[in-house]
Each structure stands twice: as structure tokens, then as C-alpha cells.
Amino acid sequence: MSGRIIIIILGMAMITFFIRYLPFIAFRKLQFSGFIGCFLNYLPPAIIGGLLFQSLFIRNKMLFFQGIDSTMIAAIVSTVVAVISESLLLTVIAGVGVLAATQLIGIS
């Protein structure tokens, strides 16, 4: 890989990072209360739930369920770990670990 391509990749990574990080810096002291604060607290889990549902149950723009596979097992374990531990790190480690383990033993 040429040096120019590496510089382009690093530059794009820096731009992407700063575009995503700057709003956190700009609005870190902003606090919402009342209805807006409550609404914003439920927004991230709702978005993650929608993305998870779409990745598990939608194929070719149609509702799809063919049984339990490695992604379904990982999603179930991740959900249980998230509810019990309330730790994002443990949830991610459990999900990735279960997905890797199921694929290693041949569950597709």
C-alpha cells in the first residue's frame, strides 16, 4: 500500500472522528429536563432495538425467521447480560464471544 493511500485513510479517519466527537464536546453541559429529557433517555435503546430487529428478522425487504442461528443466540445472550449487568462492556463482550463461539463450533 502506498504512502499516499495511508495518508488518505488516516485523514478520513480523523475527519470521521471529529465529526462525531465535536457535538459531544459542544453540548456536554447541556441538560434536558421534563418530557424532553425523558424522551431522550429512551431514544438510544429504541434505535438499537430497531436496528437489532431489522438485522435479525428482515431479509430482502421481507419479514424472515428461519429458526435459531448464531446471531439469534448472540442477541438473546446479549439481551440477558444487558438486563442483568446493565454494563455495556459486558454486553458487547458476551455478544461477540457467543457469536464467535457459535461460529467456531459450526452453528450458522
C-alpha atoms as a PDB file:
ATOM      1  CA  MET A   1       0.000   0.000   0.000  1.00  0.00           C
ATOM      2  CA  SER A   2       1.428   3.344  -0.966  1.00  0.00           C
ATOM      3  CA  GLY A   3       2.097   6.139   1.497  1.00  0.00           C
ATOM      4  CA  ARG A   4      -0.469   8.352  -0.198  1.00  0.00           C
ATOM      5  CA  ILE A   5      -3.265   5.849   0.419  1.00  0.00           C
ATOM      6  CA  ILE A   6      -2.283   5.506   4.077  1.00  0.00           C
ATOM      7  CA  ILE A   7      -2.341   9.304   4.481  1.00  0.00           C
ATOM      8  CA  ILE A   8      -5.777   9.461   2.840  1.00  0.00           C
ATOM      9  CA  ILE A   9      -7.122   6.705   5.121  1.00  0.00           C
ATOM     10  CA  LEU A  10      -5.714   8.392   8.238  1.00  0.00           C
ATOM     11  CA  GLY A  11      -7.118  11.747   7.138  1.00  0.00           C
ATOM     12  CA  MET A  12     -10.557  10.271   6.545  1.00  0.00           C
ATOM     13  CA  ALA A  13     -10.428   8.557   9.949  1.00  0.00           C
ATOM     14  CA  MET A  14      -9.564  11.846  11.666  1.00  0.00           C
ATOM     15  CA  ILE A  15     -12.355  13.710   9.873  1.00  0.00           C
ATOM     16  CA  THR A  16     -14.873  10.997  10.739  1.00  0.00           C
ATOM     17  CA  PHE A  17     -13.768  11.004  14.384  1.00  0.00           C
ATOM     18  CA  PHE A  18     -14.000  14.773  14.759  1.00  0.00           C
ATOM     19  CA  ILE A  19     -17.381  15.000  13.040  1.00  0.00           C
ATOM     20  CA  ARG A  20     -18.763  12.503  15.558  1.00  0.00           C
ATOM     21  CA  TYR A  21     -16.860  13.814  18.592  1.00  0.00           C
ATOM     22  CA  LEU A  22     -17.374  17.583  18.268  1.00  0.00           C
ATOM     23  CA  PRO A  23     -21.101  17.532  19.162  1.00  0.00           C
ATOM     24  CA  PHE A  24     -20.244  15.735  22.419  1.00  0.00           C
ATOM     25  CA  ILE A  25     -17.794  18.492  23.313  1.00  0.00           C
ATOM     26  CA  ALA A  26     -20.101  21.302  22.208  1.00  0.00           C
ATOM     27  CA  PHE A  27     -23.170  20.044  24.097  1.00  0.00           C
ATOM     28  CA  ARG A  28     -21.641  18.230  27.093  1.00  0.00           C
ATOM     29  CA  LYS A  29     -23.031  20.724  29.640  1.00  0.00           C
ATOM     30  CA  LEU A  30     -26.487  20.895  28.086  1.00  0.00           C
ATOM     31  CA  GLN A  31     -29.115  19.291  30.337  1.00  0.00           C
ATOM     32  CA  PHE A  32     -32.707  18.489  29.404  1.00  0.00           C
ATOM     33  CA  SER A  33     -35.474  18.044  31.932  1.00  0.00           C
ATOM     34  CA  GLY A  34     -39.121  17.095  31.856  1.00  0.00           C
ATOM     35  CA  PHE A  35     -40.622  15.410  28.826  1.00  0.00           C
ATOM     36  CA  ILE A  36     -37.671  16.090  26.511  1.00  0.00           C
ATOM     37  CA  GLY A  37     -35.179  14.605  28.983  1.00  0.00           C
ATOM     38  CA  CYS A  38     -37.325  11.513  29.484  1.00  0.00           C
ATOM     39  CA  PHE A  39     -37.828  11.155  25.724  1.00  0.00           C
ATOM     40  CA  LEU A  40     -34.093  11.448  25.040  1.00  0.00           C
ATOM     41  CA  ASN A  41     -33.307   8.791  27.662  1.00  0.00           C
ATOM     42  CA  TYR A  42     -35.408   6.236  25.765  1.00  0.00           C
ATOM     43  CA  LEU A  43     -34.113   7.173  22.314  1.00  0.00           C
ATOM     44  CA  PRO A  44     -30.834   5.143  22.240  1.00  0.00           C
ATOM     45  CA  PRO A  45     -32.438   1.838  23.340  1.00  0.00           C
ATOM     46  CA  ALA A  46     -35.240   2.346  20.820  1.00  0.00           C
ATOM     47  CA  ILE A  47     -32.782   2.946  17.983  1.00  0.00           C
ATOM     48  CA  ILE A  48     -30.671  -0.073  18.961  1.00  0.00           C
ATOM     49  CA  GLY A  49     -33.818  -2.196  19.225  1.00  0.00           C
ATOM     50  CA  GLY A  50     -34.921  -1.167  15.744  1.00  0.00           C
ATOM     51  CA  LEU A  51     -31.523  -1.896  14.241  1.00  0.00           C
ATOM     52  CA  LEU A  52     -31.359  -5.238  16.021  1.00  0.00           C
ATOM     53  CA  PHE A  53     -34.854  -6.243  14.892  1.00  0.00           C
ATOM     54  CA  GLN A  54     -34.030  -5.295  11.306  1.00  0.00           C
ATOM     55  CA  SER A  55     -30.765  -7.241  11.270  1.00  0.00           C
ATOM     56  CA  LEU A  56     -32.341 -10.354  12.819  1.00  0.00           C
ATOM     57  CA  PHE A  57     -35.726 -10.536  11.114  1.00  0.00           C
ATOM     58  CA  ILE A  58     -35.613  -8.683   7.772  1.00  0.00           C
ATOM     59  CA  ARG A  59     -34.151 -10.279   4.631  1.00  0.00           C
ATOM     60  CA  ASN A  60     -34.727  -8.983   1.100  1.00  0.00           C
ATOM     61  CA  LYS A  61     -37.252  -6.427   2.417  1.00  0.00           C
ATOM     62  CA  MET A  62     -39.464  -9.170   3.868  1.00  0.00           C
ATOM     63  CA  LEU A  63     -40.056 -10.481   7.375  1.00  0.00           C
ATOM     64  CA  PHE A  64     -37.864 -13.534   7.793  1.00  0.00           C
ATOM     65  CA  PHE A  65     -37.396 -16.102  10.554  1.00  0.00           C
ATOM     66  CA  GLN A  66     -35.792 -19.438   9.869  1.00  0.00           C
ATOM     67  CA  GLY A  67     -35.094 -20.546  13.411  1.00  0.00           C
ATOM     68  CA  ILE A  68     -32.304 -20.138  15.864  1.00  0.00           C
ATOM     69  CA  ASP A  69     -28.919 -19.306  14.354  1.00  0.00           C
ATOM     70  CA  SER A  70     -25.669 -17.865  15.720  1.00  0.00           C
ATOM     71  CA  THR A  71     -26.837 -14.251  15.522  1.00  0.00           C
ATOM     72  CA  MET A  72     -30.090 -15.074  17.319  1.00  0.00           C
ATOM     73  CA  ILE A  73     -28.231 -16.905  20.097  1.00  0.00           C
ATOM     74  CA  ALA A  74     -25.805 -13.984  20.487  1.00  0.00           C
ATOM     75  CA  ALA A  75     -28.708 -11.497  20.576  1.00  0.00           C
ATOM     76  CA  ILE A  76     -30.530 -13.479  23.269  1.00  0.00           C
ATOM     77  CA  VAL A  77     -27.402 -13.844  25.427  1.00  0.00           C
ATOM     78  CA  SER A  78     -26.541 -10.160  24.960  1.00  0.00           C
ATOM     79  CA  THR A  79     -30.043  -9.131  25.999  1.00  0.00           C
ATOM     80  CA  VAL A  80     -29.919 -11.261  29.140  1.00  0.00           C
ATOM     81  CA  VAL A  81     -26.448  -9.945  30.058  1.00  0.00           C
ATOM     82  CA  ALA A  82     -27.562  -6.349  29.425  1.00  0.00           C
ATOM     83  CA  VAL A  83     -30.632  -6.692  31.648  1.00  0.00           C
ATOM     84  CA  ILE A  84     -28.745  -8.405  34.470  1.00  0.00           C
ATOM     85  CA  SER A  85     -25.467  -6.465  34.438  1.00  0.00           C
ATOM     86  CA  GLU A  86     -26.544  -3.081  32.994  1.00  0.00           C
ATOM     87  CA  SER A  87     -22.992  -2.882  31.629  1.00  0.00           C
ATOM     88  CA  LEU A  88     -22.364  -2.021  28.003  1.00  0.00           C
ATOM     89  CA  LEU A  89     -18.866  -3.517  28.083  1.00  0.00           C
ATOM     90  CA  LEU A  90     -20.043  -6.872  29.469  1.00  0.00           C
ATOM     91  CA  THR A  91     -22.912  -6.929  26.977  1.00  0.00           C
ATOM     92  CA  VAL A  92     -20.615  -6.385  23.999  1.00  0.00           C
ATOM     93  CA  ILE A  93     -18.069  -8.921  25.244  1.00  0.00           C
ATOM     94  CA  ALA A  94     -20.801 -11.513  25.828  1.00  0.00           C
ATOM     95  CA  GLY A  95     -22.388 -10.939  22.414  1.00  0.00           C
ATOM     96  CA  VAL A  96     -19.139 -11.055  20.470  1.00  0.00           C
ATOM     97  CA  GLY A  97     -17.893 -14.036  22.496  1.00  0.00           C
ATOM     98  CA  VAL A  98     -21.068 -16.045  21.955  1.00  0.00           C
ATOM     99  CA  LEU A  99     -21.157 -15.173  18.252  1.00  0.00           C
ATOM    100  CA  ALA A 100     -17.525 -16.257  17.842  1.00  0.00           C
ATOM    101  CA  ALA A 101     -18.053 -19.447  19.836  1.00  0.00           C
ATOM    102  CA  THR A 102     -21.183 -20.467  17.914  1.00  0.00           C
ATOM    103  CA  GLN A 103     -19.473 -19.885  14.601  1.00  0.00           C
ATOM    104  CA  LEU A 104     -16.394 -21.827  15.728  1.00  0.00           C
ATOM    105  CA  ILE A 105     -18.479 -24.858  16.634  1.00  0.00           C
ATOM    106  CA  GLY A 106     -20.387 -24.653  13.384  1.00  0.00           C
ATOM    107  CA  ILE A 107     -23.744 -23.112  14.258  1.00  0.00           C
ATOM    108  CA  SER A 108     -24.610 -20.831  11.378  1.00  0.00           C
END
